[in-house]
PDB file of N, CA and C in Angstrom:
ATOM      1  N   MET A   1       0.103 -26.835  20.302  1.00  0.00           N
ATOM      2  CA  MET A   1       1.463 -26.940  19.457  1.00  0.00           C
ATOM      3  C   MET A   1       1.113 -25.997  18.056  1.00  0.00           C
ATOM      4  N   ASN A   2      -0.352 -26.250  18.033  1.00  0.00           N
ATOM      5  CA  ASN A   2      -0.649 -25.867  16.439  1.00  0.00           C
ATOM      6  C   ASN A   2      -0.027 -25.055  16.280  1.00  0.00           C
ATOM      7  N   GLU A   3      -0.498 -24.412  17.170  1.00  0.00           N
ATOM      8  CA  GLU A   3      -0.510 -22.215  16.598  1.00  0.00           C
ATOM      9  C   GLU A   3       1.132 -21.878  16.395  1.00  0.00           C
ATOM     10  N   VAL A   4       1.376 -21.448  15.056  1.00  0.00           N
ATOM     11  CA  VAL A   4       2.624 -20.944  14.682  1.00  0.00           C
ATOM     12  C   VAL A   4       2.848 -19.368  14.785  1.00  0.00           C
ATOM     13  N   THR A   5       3.693 -18.696  16.253  1.00  0.00           N
ATOM     14  CA  THR A   5       3.879 -17.822  16.068  1.00  0.00           C
ATOM     15  C   THR A   5       5.561 -17.682  15.893  1.00  0.00           C
ATOM     16  N   LYS A   6       5.646 -16.108  15.856  1.00  0.00           N
ATOM     17  CA  LYS A   6       6.843 -15.263  15.459  1.00  0.00           C
ATOM     18  C   LYS A   6       7.551 -15.589  17.037  1.00  0.00           C
ATOM     19  N   PRO A   7       8.887 -15.331  16.956  1.00  0.00           N
ATOM     20  CA  PRO A   7       9.474 -15.084  18.062  1.00  0.00           C
ATOM     21  C   PRO A   7       9.564 -13.587  18.341  1.00  0.00           C
ATOM     22  N   THR A   8       9.778 -13.331  19.798  1.00  0.00           N
ATOM     23  CA  THR A   8       9.834 -12.188  20.179  1.00  0.00           C
ATOM     24  C   THR A   8      10.844 -12.111  20.755  1.00  0.00           C
ATOM     25  N   HIS A   9      12.060 -10.938  20.876  1.00  0.00           N
ATOM     26  CA  HIS A   9      13.776 -10.952  20.992  1.00  0.00           C
ATOM     27  C   HIS A   9      13.472 -11.198  22.926  1.00  0.00           C
ATOM     28  N   SER A  10      14.593 -11.886  23.440  1.00  0.00           N
ATOM     29  CA  SER A  10      14.089 -12.524  24.957  1.00  0.00           C
ATOM     30  C   SER A  10      13.872 -10.905  25.840  1.00  0.00           C
ATOM     31  N   ASP A  11      14.220  -9.675  25.632  1.00  0.00           N
ATOM     32  CA  ASP A  11      14.174  -8.492  26.125  1.00  0.00           C
ATOM     33  C   ASP A  11      12.585  -7.809  26.024  1.00  0.00           C
ATOM     34  N   GLY A  12      11.747  -8.727  25.562  1.00  0.00           N
ATOM     35  CA  GLY A  12      10.639  -8.149  25.389  1.00  0.00           C
ATOM     36  C   GLY A  12      10.015  -7.170  24.211  1.00  0.00           C
ATOM     37  N   ILE A  13      10.881  -6.904  23.717  1.00  0.00           N
ATOM     38  CA  ILE A  13      11.428  -6.093  22.349  1.00  0.00           C
ATOM     39  C   ILE A  13      10.764  -6.769  20.902  1.00  0.00           C
ATOM     40  N   ILE A  14      10.119  -5.727  20.539  1.00  0.00           N
ATOM     41  CA  ILE A  14      10.084  -6.488  18.900  1.00  0.00           C
ATOM     42  C   ILE A  14      10.336  -5.672  17.942  1.00  0.00           C
ATOM     43  N   ARG A  15      10.821  -5.819  16.900  1.00  0.00           N
ATOM     44  CA  ARG A  15      11.679  -4.869  15.517  1.00  0.00           C
ATOM     45  C   ARG A  15      10.521  -4.701  14.501  1.00  0.00           C
ATOM     46  N   ILE A  16      10.228  -4.076  14.443  1.00  0.00           N
ATOM     47  CA  ILE A  16       9.545  -3.504  13.001  1.00  0.00           C
ATOM     48  C   ILE A  16       9.934  -2.487  12.396  1.00  0.00           C
ATOM     49  N   THR A  17       9.237  -2.548  10.868  1.00  0.00           N
ATOM     50  CA  THR A  17       9.302  -1.479  10.320  1.00  0.00           C
ATOM     51  C   THR A  17       8.701  -0.667   9.018  1.00  0.00           C
ATOM     52  N   VAL A  18       8.173   0.476   9.736  1.00  0.00           N
ATOM     53  CA  VAL A  18       6.937   1.249   8.683  1.00  0.00           C
ATOM     54  C   VAL A  18       7.067   1.852   7.797  1.00  0.00           C
ATOM     55  N   VAL A  19       6.540   1.570   6.310  1.00  0.00           N
ATOM     56  CA  VAL A  19       6.494   2.182   5.422  1.00  0.00           C
ATOM     57  C   VAL A  19       5.803   2.630   4.828  1.00  0.00           C
ATOM     58  N   THR A  20       6.259   3.454   3.390  1.00  0.00           N
ATOM     59  CA  THR A  20       5.070   4.348   2.855  1.00  0.00           C
ATOM     60  C   THR A  20       5.192   5.166   1.609  1.00  0.00           C
ATOM     61  N   SER A  21       4.992   5.027   0.605  1.00  0.00           N
ATOM     62  CA  SER A  21       5.214   5.861  -0.436  1.00  0.00           C
ATOM     63  C   SER A  21       4.664   7.215  -0.977  1.00  0.00           C
ATOM     64  N   THR A  22       5.229   7.929  -0.805  1.00  0.00           N
ATOM     65  CA  THR A  22       4.762   9.515  -1.295  1.00  0.00           C
ATOM     66  C   THR A  22       4.974  10.772  -2.563  1.00  0.00           C
ATOM     67  N   ALA A  23       4.259   9.919  -3.258  1.00  0.00           N
ATOM     68  CA  ALA A  23       4.909  11.413  -4.339  1.00  0.00           C
ATOM     69  C   ALA A  23       6.581  10.965  -5.066  1.00  0.00           C
ATOM     70  N   GLY A  24       6.123   9.148  -4.985  1.00  0.00           N
ATOM     71  CA  GLY A  24       7.419   8.698  -5.446  1.00  0.00           C
ATOM     72  C   GLY A  24       8.827   8.702  -4.662  1.00  0.00           C
ATOM     73  N   ARG A  25       8.448   8.836  -3.641  1.00  0.00           N
ATOM     74  CA  ARG A  25       9.285   9.231  -2.825  1.00  0.00           C
ATOM     75  C   ARG A  25       9.117   7.970  -1.190  1.00  0.00           C
ATOM     76  N   LEU A  26      10.153   6.899  -1.026  1.00  0.00           N
ATOM     77  CA  LEU A  26       9.738   6.333  -0.161  1.00  0.00           C
ATOM     78  C   LEU A  26      10.088   6.966   1.236  1.00  0.00           C
ATOM     79  N   TRP A  27       9.615   6.613   2.248  1.00  0.00           N
ATOM     80  CA  TRP A  27       9.588   6.932   3.568  1.00  0.00           C
ATOM     81  C   TRP A  27       9.346   6.069   4.361  1.00  0.00           C
ATOM     82  N   GLN A  28      10.701   5.697   4.828  1.00  0.00           N
ATOM     83  CA  GLN A  28      10.500   4.056   5.563  1.00  0.00           C
ATOM     84  C   GLN A  28      11.502   4.171   7.124  1.00  0.00           C
ATOM     85  N   ARG A  29      10.951   3.739   8.115  1.00  0.00           N
ATOM     86  CA  ARG A  29      11.727   4.130   9.474  1.00  0.00           C
ATOM     87  C   ARG A  29      11.983   2.534  10.108  1.00  0.00           C
ATOM     88  N   GLU A  30      12.512   1.970  10.955  1.00  0.00           N
ATOM     89  CA  GLU A  30      12.701   0.604  11.453  1.00  0.00           C
ATOM     90  C   GLU A  30      12.908   1.443  13.163  1.00  0.00           C
ATOM     91  N   LEU A  31      11.991   0.313  13.772  1.00  0.00           N
ATOM     92  CA  LEU A  31      11.657   0.431  15.011  1.00  0.00           C
ATOM     93  C   LEU A  31      11.916  -0.263  16.363  1.00  0.00           C
ATOM     94  N   SER A  32      12.359  -0.271  17.345  1.00  0.00           N
ATOM     95  CA  SER A  32      12.418  -1.290  18.394  1.00  0.00           C
ATOM     96  C   SER A  32      10.799  -0.620  19.218  1.00  0.00           C
ATOM     97  N   LEU A  33       9.892  -1.454  19.374  1.00  0.00           N
ATOM     98  CA  LEU A  33       9.161  -1.493  20.345  1.00  0.00           C
ATOM     99  C   LEU A  33       8.784  -2.264  21.203  1.00  0.00           C
ATOM    100  N   PRO A  34       8.228  -2.310  22.223  1.00  0.00           N
ATOM    101  CA  PRO A  34       8.005  -3.498  23.277  1.00  0.00           C
ATOM    102  C   PRO A  34       6.718  -4.348  22.783  1.00  0.00           C
ATOM    103  N   ALA A  35       6.843  -6.047  23.274  1.00  0.00           N
ATOM    104  CA  ALA A  35       6.188  -6.445  22.706  1.00  0.00           C
ATOM    105  C   ALA A  35       4.626  -6.418  23.177  1.00  0.00           C
ATOM    106  N   GLY A  36       3.762  -6.593  22.173  1.00  0.00           N
ATOM    107  CA  GLY A  36       2.280  -6.278  22.309  1.00  0.00           C
ATOM    108  C   GLY A  36       2.007  -4.732  21.877  1.00  0.00           C
ATOM    109  N   SER A  37       2.541  -4.165  21.319  1.00  0.00           N
ATOM    110  CA  SER A  37       2.250  -2.638  20.234  1.00  0.00           C
ATOM    111  C   SER A  37       1.440  -2.797  19.635  1.00  0.00           C
ATOM    112  N   THR A  38       0.633  -1.845  19.499  1.00  0.00           N
ATOM    113  CA  THR A  38      -0.307  -1.579  17.755  1.00  0.00           C
ATOM    114  C   THR A  38       0.084  -1.120  16.649  1.00  0.00           C
ATOM    115  N   ILE A  39      -0.445  -1.726  15.571  1.00  0.00           N
ATOM    116  CA  ILE A  39      -0.219  -0.567  14.469  1.00  0.00           C
ATOM    117  C   ILE A  39      -0.098   1.022  14.855  1.00  0.00           C
ATOM    118  N   ALA A  40      -1.095   1.472  15.252  1.00  0.00           N
ATOM    119  CA  ALA A  40      -1.589   2.932  15.551  1.00  0.00           C
ATOM    120  C   ALA A  40       0.053   3.542  16.279  1.00  0.00           C
ATOM    121  N   GLN A  41       0.393   2.359  17.182  1.00  0.00           N
ATOM    122  CA  GLN A  41       1.310   3.074  18.230  1.00  0.00           C
ATOM    123  C   GLN A  41       2.696   2.902  17.267  1.00  0.00           C
ATOM    124  N   SER A  42       3.154   2.566  16.640  1.00  0.00           N
ATOM    125  CA  SER A  42       3.949   1.950  15.689  1.00  0.00           C
ATOM    126  C   SER A  42       3.692   3.600  14.809  1.00  0.00           C
ATOM    127  N   ILE A  43       3.153   3.621  14.087  1.00  0.00           N
ATOM    128  CA  ILE A  43       2.964   4.847  13.220  1.00  0.00           C
ATOM    129  C   ILE A  43       3.236   6.274  14.182  1.00  0.00           C
ATOM    130  N   ILE A  44       2.549   6.376  15.304  1.00  0.00           N
ATOM    131  CA  ILE A  44       3.274   7.055  16.182  1.00  0.00           C
ATOM    132  C   ILE A  44       4.181   7.621  16.789  1.00  0.00           C
ATOM    133  N   SER A  45       4.926   6.381  16.739  1.00  0.00           N
ATOM    134  CA  SER A  45       6.688   6.401  17.565  1.00  0.00           C
ATOM    135  C   SER A  45       7.464   6.619  16.549  1.00  0.00           C
ATOM    136  N   ALA A  46       7.141   5.851  15.089  1.00  0.00           N
ATOM    137  CA  ALA A  46       7.786   6.400  13.976  1.00  0.00           C
ATOM    138  C   ALA A  46       7.999   7.999  13.736  1.00  0.00           C
ATOM    139  N   GLY A  47       7.043   8.649  13.891  1.00  0.00           N
ATOM    140  CA  GLY A  47       7.229  10.051  13.964  1.00  0.00           C
ATOM    141  C   GLY A  47       6.254  10.393  12.549  1.00  0.00           C
ATOM    142  N   TYR A  48       5.157   9.176  11.965  1.00  0.00           N
ATOM    143  CA  TYR A  48       4.644   9.610  10.759  1.00  0.00           C
ATOM    144  C   TYR A  48       3.610  10.901  10.735  1.00  0.00           C
ATOM    145  N   LEU A  49       3.452  10.954  11.532  1.00  0.00           N
ATOM    146  CA  LEU A  49       2.047  12.462  11.739  1.00  0.00           C
ATOM    147  C   LEU A  49       2.923  13.834  12.110  1.00  0.00           C
ATOM    148  N   ALA A  50       4.395  13.907  12.281  1.00  0.00           N
ATOM    149  CA  ALA A  50       4.936  14.838  12.144  1.00  0.00           C
ATOM    150  C   ALA A  50       5.292  15.088  11.398  1.00  0.00           C
ATOM    151  N   ASP A  51       5.815  14.213  10.583  1.00  0.00           N
ATOM    152  CA  ASP A  51       6.387  14.296   8.718  1.00  0.00           C
ATOM    153  C   ASP A  51       5.254  14.889   7.754  1.00  0.00           C
ATOM    154  N   PHE A  52       3.984  14.375   8.438  1.00  0.00           N
ATOM    155  CA  PHE A  52       3.099  14.294   7.608  1.00  0.00           C
ATOM    156  C   PHE A  52       1.826  14.747   8.260  1.00  0.00           C
ATOM    157  N   PRO A  53       1.839  15.951   8.770  1.00  0.00           N
ATOM    158  CA  PRO A  53       0.793  16.394   9.840  1.00  0.00           C
ATOM    159  C   PRO A  53      -0.454  16.993   9.462  1.00  0.00           C
ATOM    160  N   GLU A  54      -0.397  16.647   7.328  1.00  0.00           N
ATOM    161  CA  GLU A  54      -2.043  16.647   6.776  1.00  0.00           C
ATOM    162  C   GLU A  54      -2.817  15.514   7.287  1.00  0.00           C
ATOM    163  N   ASN A  55      -2.082  14.637   7.340  1.00  0.00           N
ATOM    164  CA  ASN A  55      -2.973  13.393   7.420  1.00  0.00           C
ATOM    165  C   ASN A  55      -3.473  12.930   9.197  1.00  0.00           C
ATOM    166  N   THR A  56      -4.275  12.228   9.884  1.00  0.00           N
ATOM    167  CA  THR A  56      -4.958  12.285  10.697  1.00  0.00           C
ATOM    168  C   THR A  56      -4.327  10.808  10.853  1.00  0.00           C
ATOM    169  N   LEU A  57      -4.171   9.755  11.824  1.00  0.00           N
ATOM    170  CA  LEU A  57      -4.536   8.156  12.448  1.00  0.00           C
ATOM    171  C   LEU A  57      -5.298   7.724  11.884  1.00  0.00           C
ATOM    172  N   GLU A  58      -6.399   8.310  12.405  1.00  0.00           N
ATOM    173  CA  GLU A  58      -7.759   7.782  11.697  1.00  0.00           C
ATOM    174  C   GLU A  58      -8.328   7.450  10.478  1.00  0.00           C
ATOM    175  N   SER A  59      -7.772   8.698   9.513  1.00  0.00           N
ATOM    176  CA  SER A  59      -7.454   8.314   8.260  1.00  0.00           C
ATOM    177  C   SER A  59      -7.024   7.640   7.763  1.00  0.00           C
ATOM    178  N   LEU A  60      -5.903   7.461   8.009  1.00  0.00           N
ATOM    179  CA  LEU A  60      -4.315   6.059   7.352  1.00  0.00           C
ATOM    180  C   LEU A  60      -5.681   4.827   7.181  1.00  0.00           C
ATOM    181  N   SER A  61      -5.239   4.051   6.193  1.00  0.00           N
ATOM    182  CA  SER A  61      -5.123   2.817   5.520  1.00  0.00           C
ATOM    183  C   SER A  61      -3.917   1.925   6.123  1.00  0.00           C
ATOM    184  N   LEU A  62      -4.395   1.124   6.992  1.00  0.00           N
ATOM    185  CA  LEU A  62      -3.086   0.278   7.265  1.00  0.00           C
ATOM    186  C   LEU A  62      -3.385  -1.002   6.540  1.00  0.00           C
ATOM    187  N   GLY A  63      -1.829  -1.617   6.821  1.00  0.00           N
ATOM    188  CA  GLY A  63      -1.568  -3.225   7.181  1.00  0.00           C
ATOM    189  C   GLY A  63      -0.507  -3.461   7.633  1.00  0.00           C
ATOM    190  N   ILE A  64      -0.342  -4.660   7.093  1.00  0.00           N
ATOM    191  CA  ILE A  64       0.951  -5.462   7.520  1.00  0.00           C
ATOM    192  C   ILE A  64       0.974  -6.240   6.064  1.00  0.00           C
ATOM    193  N   PHE A  65       2.776  -5.996   5.873  1.00  0.00           N
ATOM    194  CA  PHE A  65       3.260  -7.105   4.260  1.00  0.00           C
ATOM    195  C   PHE A  65       1.662  -7.149   3.541  1.00  0.00           C
ATOM    196  N   GLY A  66       1.123  -6.081   3.453  1.00  0.00           N
ATOM    197  CA  GLY A  66      -0.104  -6.165   2.262  1.00  0.00           C
ATOM    198  C   GLY A  66      -1.457  -6.743   2.321  1.00  0.00           C
ATOM    199  N   LYS A  67      -1.094  -6.661   3.593  1.00  0.00           N
ATOM    200  CA  LYS A  67      -3.106  -7.028   4.225  1.00  0.00           C
ATOM    201  C   LYS A  67      -3.146  -5.987   5.412  1.00  0.00           C
ATOM    202  N   HIS A  68      -4.706  -5.912   4.576  1.00  0.00           N
ATOM    203  CA  HIS A  68      -5.466  -4.482   5.693  1.00  0.00           C
ATOM    204  C   HIS A  68      -5.584  -4.845   7.371  1.00  0.00           C
ATOM    205  N   TYR A  69      -5.408  -4.452   7.599  1.00  0.00           N
ATOM    206  CA  TYR A  69      -5.619  -4.624   9.529  1.00  0.00           C
ATOM    207  C   TYR A  69      -5.924  -3.392  10.198  1.00  0.00           C
ATOM    208  N   PRO A  70      -6.578  -3.610  10.862  1.00  0.00           N
ATOM    209  CA  PRO A  70      -7.348  -2.140  11.596  1.00  0.00           C
ATOM    210  C   PRO A  70      -6.209  -1.824  12.734  1.00  0.00           C
ATOM    211  N   HIS A  71      -6.520  -0.329  13.269  1.00  0.00           N
ATOM    212  CA  HIS A  71      -5.178   0.065  13.882  1.00  0.00           C
ATOM    213  C   HIS A  71      -5.263  -0.446  15.080  1.00  0.00           C
ATOM    214  N   HIS A  72      -5.720  -1.353  15.643  1.00  0.00           N
ATOM    215  CA  HIS A  72      -5.305  -1.697  17.156  1.00  0.00           C
ATOM    216  C   HIS A  72      -5.014  -2.958  16.850  1.00  0.00           C
ATOM    217  N   GLN A  73      -4.565  -3.575  15.794  1.00  0.00           N
ATOM    218  CA  GLN A  73      -3.344  -4.757  15.850  1.00  0.00           C
ATOM    219  C   GLN A  73      -2.561  -4.638  16.304  1.00  0.00           C
ATOM    220  N   LEU A  74      -2.324  -6.205  17.028  1.00  0.00           N
ATOM    221  CA  LEU A  74      -0.933  -6.268  17.618  1.00  0.00           C
ATOM    222  C   LEU A  74       0.332  -6.688  16.563  1.00  0.00           C
ATOM    223  N   LEU A  75       1.193  -6.327  17.033  1.00  0.00           N
ATOM    224  CA  LEU A  75       2.133  -6.559  16.039  1.00  0.00           C
ATOM    225  C   LEU A  75       2.783  -7.584  16.211  1.00  0.00           C
ATOM    226  N   GLN A  76       3.962  -8.259  15.788  1.00  0.00           N
ATOM    227  CA  GLN A  76       5.113  -9.257  15.889  1.00  0.00           C
ATOM    228  C   GLN A  76       6.111  -8.988  15.788  1.00  0.00           C
ATOM    229  N   ASP A  77       7.469  -9.743  15.963  1.00  0.00           N
ATOM    230  CA  ASP A  77       8.843  -9.245  15.747  1.00  0.00           C
ATOM    231  C   ASP A  77       8.971  -9.525  14.042  1.00  0.00           C
ATOM    232  N   ASN A  78       9.661  -8.409  13.468  1.00  0.00           N
ATOM    233  CA  ASN A  78       9.883  -8.366  12.148  1.00  0.00           C
ATOM    234  C   ASN A  78       8.980  -7.629  11.112  1.00  0.00           C
ATOM    235  N   ASP A  79       7.744  -7.223  11.552  1.00  0.00           N
ATOM    236  CA  ASP A  79       6.293  -6.755  11.186  1.00  0.00           C
ATOM    237  C   ASP A  79       6.996  -6.171   9.979  1.00  0.00           C
ATOM    238  N   ARG A  80       6.329  -5.827   8.994  1.00  0.00           N
ATOM    239  CA  ARG A  80       6.367  -3.846   8.038  1.00  0.00           C
ATOM    240  C   ARG A  80       4.820  -3.756   8.115  1.00  0.00           C
ATOM    241  N   VAL A  81       4.956  -2.687   8.678  1.00  0.00           N
ATOM    242  CA  VAL A  81       3.453  -1.746   8.896  1.00  0.00           C
ATOM    243  C   VAL A  81       3.829  -0.585   7.711  1.00  0.00           C
ATOM    244  N   GLU A  82       2.491  -1.241   6.968  1.00  0.00           N
ATOM    245  CA  GLU A  82       2.434  -0.306   5.435  1.00  0.00           C
ATOM    246  C   GLU A  82       1.203   0.736   5.659  1.00  0.00           C
ATOM    247  N   ILE A  83       1.352   1.912   5.122  1.00  0.00           N
ATOM    248  CA  ILE A  83       0.791   2.889   5.266  1.00  0.00           C
ATOM    249  C   ILE A  83       0.503   3.082   3.700  1.00  0.00           C
ATOM    250  N   TYR A  84      -1.166   3.173   3.458  1.00  0.00           N
ATOM    251  CA  TYR A  84      -1.688   2.840   2.055  1.00  0.00           C
ATOM    252  C   TYR A  84      -1.609   3.826   1.959  1.00  0.00           C
ATOM    253  N   ALA A  85      -1.654   4.258   0.137  1.00  0.00           N
ATOM    254  CA  ALA A  85      -2.126   6.125  -0.319  1.00  0.00           C
ATOM    255  C   ALA A  85      -3.538   5.643  -0.493  1.00  0.00           C
ATOM    256  N   PRO A  86      -4.265   7.002  -0.648  1.00  0.00           N
ATOM    257  CA  PRO A  86      -5.615   6.762  -1.015  1.00  0.00           C
ATOM    258  C   PRO A  86      -5.600   6.596  -2.497  1.00  0.00           C
ATOM    259  N   LEU A  87      -6.877   5.969  -3.127  1.00  0.00           N
ATOM    260  CA  LEU A  87      -7.264   5.970  -4.389  1.00  0.00           C
ATOM    261  C   LEU A  87      -7.474   6.937  -4.842  1.00  0.00           C
ATOM    262  N   ARG A  88      -6.208   7.113  -6.431  1.00  0.00           N
ATOM    263  CA  ARG A  88      -7.008   8.331  -6.965  1.00  0.00           C
ATOM    264  C   ARG A  88      -7.956   8.291  -7.659  1.00  0.00           C
ATOM    265  N   VAL A  89      -8.399   7.249  -8.037  1.00  0.00           N
ATOM    266  CA  VAL A  89      -9.518   6.809  -9.194  1.00  0.00           C
ATOM    267  C   VAL A  89     -10.398   5.760  -8.695  1.00  0.00           C
ATOM    268  N   ASP A  90     -11.618   6.086  -8.486  1.00  0.00           N
ATOM    269  CA  ASP A  90     -12.612   4.076  -8.257  1.00  0.00           C
ATOM    270  C   ASP A  90     -12.030   2.959  -9.316  1.00  0.00           C
ATOM    271  N   PRO A  91     -11.546   2.350  -8.936  1.00  0.00           N
ATOM    272  CA  PRO A  91     -10.982   1.165  -9.812  1.00  0.00           C
ATOM    273  C   PRO A  91     -12.610   1.023 -10.628  1.00  0.00           C
ATOM    274  N   LYS A  92     -13.894   0.867 -10.140  1.00  0.00           N
ATOM    275  CA  LYS A  92     -14.666   0.658 -11.610  1.00  0.00           C
ATOM    276  C   LYS A  92     -14.734   1.800 -12.714  1.00  0.00           C
ATOM    277  N   ILE A  93     -14.615   2.644 -12.217  1.00  0.00           N
ATOM    278  CA  ILE A  93     -14.317   3.974 -12.662  1.00  0.00           C
ATOM    279  C   ILE A  93     -12.963   3.665 -14.182  1.00  0.00           C
ATOM    280  N   ALA A  94     -11.818   3.517 -13.510  1.00  0.00           N
ATOM    281  CA  ALA A  94     -10.746   2.997 -14.530  1.00  0.00           C
ATOM    282  C   ALA A  94     -10.672   1.962 -15.409  1.00  0.00           C
ATOM    283  N   ARG A  95     -11.385   0.790 -14.753  1.00  0.00           N
ATOM    284  CA  ARG A  95     -11.952  -0.052 -15.883  1.00  0.00           C
ATOM    285  C   ARG A  95     -12.849   0.632 -16.418  1.00  0.00           C
ATOM    286  N   ARG A  96     -13.863   1.037 -16.409  1.00  0.00           N
ATOM    287  CA  ARG A  96     -14.652   1.393 -17.729  1.00  0.00           C
ATOM    288  C   ARG A  96     -13.540   2.396 -18.925  1.00  0.00           C
ATOM    289  N   ARG A  97     -13.314   2.934 -18.020  1.00  0.00           N
ATOM    290  CA  ARG A  97     -12.451   3.889 -18.919  1.00  0.00           C
ATOM    291  C   ARG A  97     -11.149   3.312 -20.022  1.00  0.00           C
ATOM    292  N   ARG A  98     -10.748   1.948 -19.158  1.00  0.00           N
ATOM    293  CA  ARG A  98      -9.920   1.614 -20.031  1.00  0.00           C
ATOM    294  C   ARG A  98     -10.494   0.361 -21.130  1.00  0.00           C
ATOM    295  N   ALA A  99     -11.915   0.064 -20.802  1.00  0.00           N
ATOM    296  CA  ALA A  99     -12.416  -0.954 -21.445  1.00  0.00           C
ATOM    297  C   ALA A  99     -12.764   0.148 -22.995  1.00  0.00           C
ATOM    298  N   ALA A 100     -13.465   1.098 -22.437  1.00  0.00           N
ATOM    299  CA  ALA A 100     -13.582   2.116 -23.496  1.00  0.00           C
ATOM    300  C   ALA A 100     -12.565   2.533 -24.690  1.00  0.00           C
ATOM    301  N   HIS A 101     -11.219   2.401 -23.727  1.00  0.00           N
ATOM    302  CA  HIS A 101     -10.195   3.060 -24.677  1.00  0.00           C
ATOM    303  C   HIS A 101      -9.913   2.089 -25.830  1.00  0.00           C
ATOM    304  N   ARG A 102      -9.948   0.937 -25.275  1.00  0.00           N
ATOM    305  CA  ARG A 102      -9.076  -0.483 -26.076  1.00  0.00           C
ATOM    306  C   ARG A 102     -10.658  -0.864 -27.080  1.00  0.00           C
ATOM    307  N   GLU A 103     -11.821  -0.629 -27.196  1.00  0.00           N
ATOM    308  CA  GLU A 103     -12.815  -0.522 -27.854  1.00  0.00           C
ATOM    309  C   GLU A 103     -12.569   0.590 -28.923  1.00  0.00           C
ATOM    310  N   LYS A 104     -12.458   1.932 -28.478  1.00  0.00           N
ATOM    311  CA  LYS A 104     -12.204   3.004 -29.902  1.00  0.00           C
ATOM    312  C   LYS A 104     -10.878   2.722 -29.737  1.00  0.00           C
ATOM    313  N   THR A 105      -9.569   2.149 -29.544  1.00  0.00           N
ATOM    314  CA  THR A 105      -8.465   1.815 -30.693  1.00  0.00           C
ATOM    315  C   THR A 105      -8.607   0.913 -31.748  1.00  0.00           C
ATOM    316  N   ARG A 106      -9.616  -0.738 -31.284  1.00  0.00           N
ATOM    317  CA  ARG A 106     -10.123  -1.231 -32.166  1.00  0.00           C
ATOM    318  C   ARG A 106     -10.808  -0.739 -33.362  1.00  0.00           C
ATOM    319  N   ASN A 107     -11.827   0.342 -33.161  1.00  0.00           N
ATOM    320  CA  ASN A 107     -12.439   0.710 -34.025  1.00  0.00           C
ATOM    321  C   ASN A 107     -11.768   1.172 -34.808  1.00  0.00           C
ATOM    322  N   ILE A 108     -10.878   1.891 -34.382  1.00  0.00           N
ATOM    323  CA  ILE A 108      -9.563   2.643 -35.656  1.00  0.00           C
ATOM    324  C   ILE A 108      -8.806   1.997 -36.215  1.00  0.00           C
ATOM    325  N   LYS A 109      -8.435   0.636 -35.966  1.00  0.00           N
ATOM    326  CA  LYS A 109      -8.066  -0.347 -36.371  1.00  0.00           C
ATOM    327  C   LYS A 109      -8.835  -0.810 -37.812  1.00  0.00           C
ATOM    328  N   LYS A 110      -9.741  -1.144 -37.556  1.00  0.00           N
ATOM    329  CA  LYS A 110     -10.923  -1.642 -38.177  1.00  0.00           C
ATOM    330  C   LYS A 110     -10.958  -0.380 -39.605  1.00  0.00           C
ATOM    331  N   LYS A 111     -11.450   0.357 -39.164  1.00  0.00           N
ATOM    332  CA  LYS A 111     -11.553   1.472 -40.506  1.00  0.00           C
ATOM    333  C   LYS A 111     -10.516   2.112 -41.095  1.00  0.00           C
ATOM    334  N   MET A 112      -9.154   1.705 -40.288  1.00  0.00           N
ATOM    335  CA  MET A 112      -8.123   2.101 -41.293  1.00  0.00           C
ATOM    336  C   MET A 112      -7.898   2.042 -42.980  1.00  0.00           C
ATOM    337  N   PRO A 113      -8.013   2.826 -43.638  1.00  0.00           N
ATOM    338  CA  PRO A 113      -8.209   2.849 -45.588  1.00  0.00           C
ATOM    339  C   PRO A 113      -7.084   1.364 -45.610  1.00  0.00           C
ATOM    340  N   VAL A 114      -7.033   0.961 -46.560  1.00  0.00           N
ATOM    341  CA  VAL A 114      -5.806   0.423 -47.187  1.00  0.00           C
ATOM    342  C   VAL A 114      -5.204   1.400 -48.914  1.00  0.00           C
ATOM    343  N   ASN A 115      -4.072   1.121 -48.259  1.00  0.00           N
ATOM    344  CA  ASN A 115      -3.392   1.980 -49.731  1.00  0.00           C
ATOM    345  C   ASN A 115      -2.944   0.859 -50.693  1.00  0.00           C
ATOM    346  N   ASP A 116      -3.672   1.523 -52.025  1.00  0.00           N
ATOM    347  CA  ASP A 116      -3.677   0.809 -53.319  1.00  0.00           C
ATOM    348  C   ASP A 116      -2.145   0.827 -53.199  1.00  0.00           C
ATOM    349  N   LEU A 117      -1.051   1.200 -52.975  1.00  0.00           N
ATOM    350  CA  LEU A 117      -0.020   1.218 -53.816  1.00  0.00           C
ATOM    351  C   LEU A 117       0.636  -0.146 -52.787  1.00  0.00           C
ATOM    352  N   THR A 118       0.129  -0.240 -51.413  1.00  0.00           N
ATOM    353  CA  THR A 118       0.910  -1.845 -50.610  1.00  0.00           C
ATOM    354  C   THR A 118       0.282  -2.792 -51.273  1.00  0.00           C
ATOM    355  N   GLN A 119      -1.011  -3.041 -52.064  1.00  0.00           N
ATOM    356  CA  GLN A 119      -1.217  -4.056 -52.564  1.00  0.00           C
ATOM    357  C   GLN A 119      -0.620  -4.424 -53.608  1.00  0.00           C
ATOM    358  N   SER A 120      -0.120  -5.475 -54.024  1.00  0.00           N
ATOM    359  CA  SER A 120       0.199  -6.248 -55.129  1.00  0.00           C
ATOM    360  C   SER A 120      -0.477  -6.613 -56.257  1.00  0.00           C
TER     361      SER A 120
END
């Protein structure tokens, strides 16, 4: 009895939520699925591919409660399936840009001329 499992409802049905955020808009569906359903099955059942036909199931990055999982991952009762948006900028490039910007603003502050009128 060391394993902790989430109980399913007595009728073999699990309740899950499928969510994503696209263009500042939240898309969310609550579903009841048979126990033993996968993440991929929840996406199809929720109608995500019908609402967003430009996406394919294989191209989606999916997870449960913020942790990435493969499409064949089994769901448990009260799971929240998340569809993650693709990155717009490579994180390494974004970090370099921020560092360059910080360095530039530091150099501007150092080169700021002192106004003779402000000194007493």
